[in-house]
Amino acid sequence: HLIIAFFLITIFAPFVEEFLFRGLLQNFFKKFMKRYLAIILTSLCFAFFHYSLQQGLANINIVGSLFVLSCLLGFLYERQNSLISPIAFHVTFNAISIINLLLIKGL
């Protein structure tokens, strides 16, 4: 189960999320506002998409970090005009996060 979870979090989720948030949502917002505002609004959506009601206010640090990450991903997407760079960065970020969690738990 650990291998499947690792694959889903590190490979599958970044592909899906980058397609949805950068490929669709950010491009949609750009039709109505400047690029930097589209990145910010998309990043807010991305960050709060990952908010967990169960963790409550303890989750706010994660939301803030994910907002910054998402802004970087949005900038990469705009700079490269491709989803490849944000996907690769997102995969790397998730992989490091999962490995870090596994090392902290001692698995």
Protein backbone atom coordinates (compact mmCIF):
# COMPACT_ATOMS: atom_id res chain seq x y z
CA HIS A 1 0.00 0.00 0.00
CA LEU A 2 2.90 2.33 0.72
CA ILE A 3 4.20 2.05 -2.84
CA ILE A 4 0.77 2.82 -4.31
CA ALA A 5 0.33 5.81 -1.99
CA PHE A 6 3.82 7.06 -2.88
CA PHE A 7 3.02 6.79 -6.60
CA LEU A 8 -0.33 8.55 -6.24
CA ILE A 9 1.09 11.41 -4.18
CA THR A 10 4.34 11.92 -6.05
CA ILE A 11 3.37 11.21 -9.66
CA PHE A 12 -0.39 11.09 -10.22
CA ALA A 13 -1.46 14.04 -8.05
CA PRO A 14 1.04 16.55 -9.54
CA PHE A 15 -0.05 15.68 -13.10
CA VAL A 16 -3.73 16.04 -12.27
CA GLU A 17 -3.36 19.13 -10.07
CA GLU A 18 -1.11 20.98 -12.52
CA PHE A 19 -3.48 20.24 -15.38
CA LEU A 20 -6.46 21.45 -13.34
CA PHE A 21 -4.92 24.44 -11.57
CA ARG A 22 -2.38 25.75 -14.09
CA GLY A 23 -3.68 24.30 -17.35
CA LEU A 24 -7.37 25.06 -16.81
CA LEU A 25 -7.99 27.44 -13.89
CA GLN A 26 -5.05 29.80 -14.33
CA ASN A 27 -5.72 30.05 -18.07
CA PHE A 28 -9.39 30.70 -17.35
CA PHE A 29 -8.56 33.51 -14.91
CA LYS A 30 -6.12 35.06 -17.42
CA LYS A 31 -9.06 35.75 -19.72
CA PHE A 32 -10.44 38.19 -17.14
CA MET A 33 -7.38 39.59 -15.35
CA LYS A 34 -3.65 40.17 -15.56
CA ARG A 35 -1.35 37.17 -15.37
CA TYR A 36 -0.02 37.94 -11.91
CA LEU A 37 -3.57 38.19 -10.52
CA ALA A 38 -4.48 34.91 -12.22
CA ILE A 39 -1.46 33.28 -10.55
CA ILE A 40 -2.43 34.67 -7.13
CA LEU A 41 -6.09 33.64 -7.42
CA THR A 42 -5.17 30.19 -8.73
CA SER A 43 -2.66 29.84 -5.89
CA LEU A 44 -5.29 30.72 -3.30
CA CYS A 45 -7.58 28.07 -4.78
CA PHE A 46 -4.73 25.53 -4.83
CA ALA A 47 -3.74 26.24 -1.23
CA PHE A 48 -7.27 26.04 0.16
CA PHE A 49 -7.97 22.93 -1.92
CA HIS A 50 -5.39 21.26 0.36
CA TYR A 51 -6.92 22.67 3.57
CA SER A 52 -8.00 20.02 6.05
CA LEU A 53 -10.95 20.76 8.33
CA GLN A 54 -9.75 18.02 10.66
CA GLN A 55 -6.48 19.86 11.32
CA GLY A 56 -8.18 23.21 11.79
CA LEU A 57 -5.90 26.17 12.41
CA ALA A 58 -2.88 23.89 12.64
CA ASN A 59 -3.27 23.50 8.89
CA ILE A 60 -2.82 27.23 8.22
CA ASN A 61 0.99 26.95 7.99
CA ILE A 62 0.61 24.32 5.31
CA VAL A 63 -1.89 26.47 3.42
CA GLY A 64 0.54 29.40 3.51
CA SER A 65 3.41 27.25 2.29
CA LEU A 66 1.30 25.76 -0.48
CA PHE A 67 0.24 29.24 -1.57
CA VAL A 68 3.90 30.20 -2.02
CA LEU A 69 4.63 26.90 -3.80
CA SER A 70 1.65 27.44 -6.08
CA CYS A 71 2.76 30.97 -6.95
CA LEU A 72 6.12 29.54 -8.00
CA LEU A 73 4.40 26.81 -10.03
CA GLY A 74 2.20 29.44 -11.68
CA PHE A 75 5.23 31.58 -12.51
CA LEU A 76 7.03 28.55 -13.98
CA TYR A 77 4.00 27.76 -16.10
CA GLU A 78 3.82 31.32 -17.41
CA ARG A 79 7.57 31.53 -18.00
CA GLN A 80 7.81 28.18 -19.82
CA ASN A 81 4.34 28.22 -21.40
CA SER A 82 4.27 24.52 -20.61
CA LEU A 83 3.11 22.24 -17.79
CA ILE A 84 6.35 20.22 -17.83
CA SER A 85 8.32 22.45 -15.43
CA PRO A 86 5.54 22.90 -12.86
CA ILE A 87 4.77 19.18 -12.95
CA ALA A 88 8.45 18.27 -12.45
CA PHE A 89 8.79 20.77 -9.59
CA HIS A 90 5.54 19.54 -8.00
CA VAL A 91 6.67 15.88 -8.29
CA THR A 92 9.97 16.78 -6.63
CA PHE A 93 8.26 18.77 -3.86
CA ASN A 94 5.82 15.94 -3.09
CA ALA A 95 8.53 13.27 -3.18
CA ILE A 96 10.74 15.21 -0.76
CA SER A 97 7.74 15.84 1.51
CA ILE A 98 6.76 12.15 1.59
CA ILE A 99 10.34 10.98 2.16
CA ASN A 100 10.66 13.54 4.97
CA LEU A 101 7.44 12.28 6.59
CA LEU A 102 8.61 8.68 6.32
CA LEU A 103 11.95 9.53 7.92
CA ILE A 104 10.24 11.44 10.75
CA LYS A 105 7.93 8.49 11.44
CA GLY A 106 10.87 6.12 11.19
CA LEU A 107 9.39 3.89 8.50
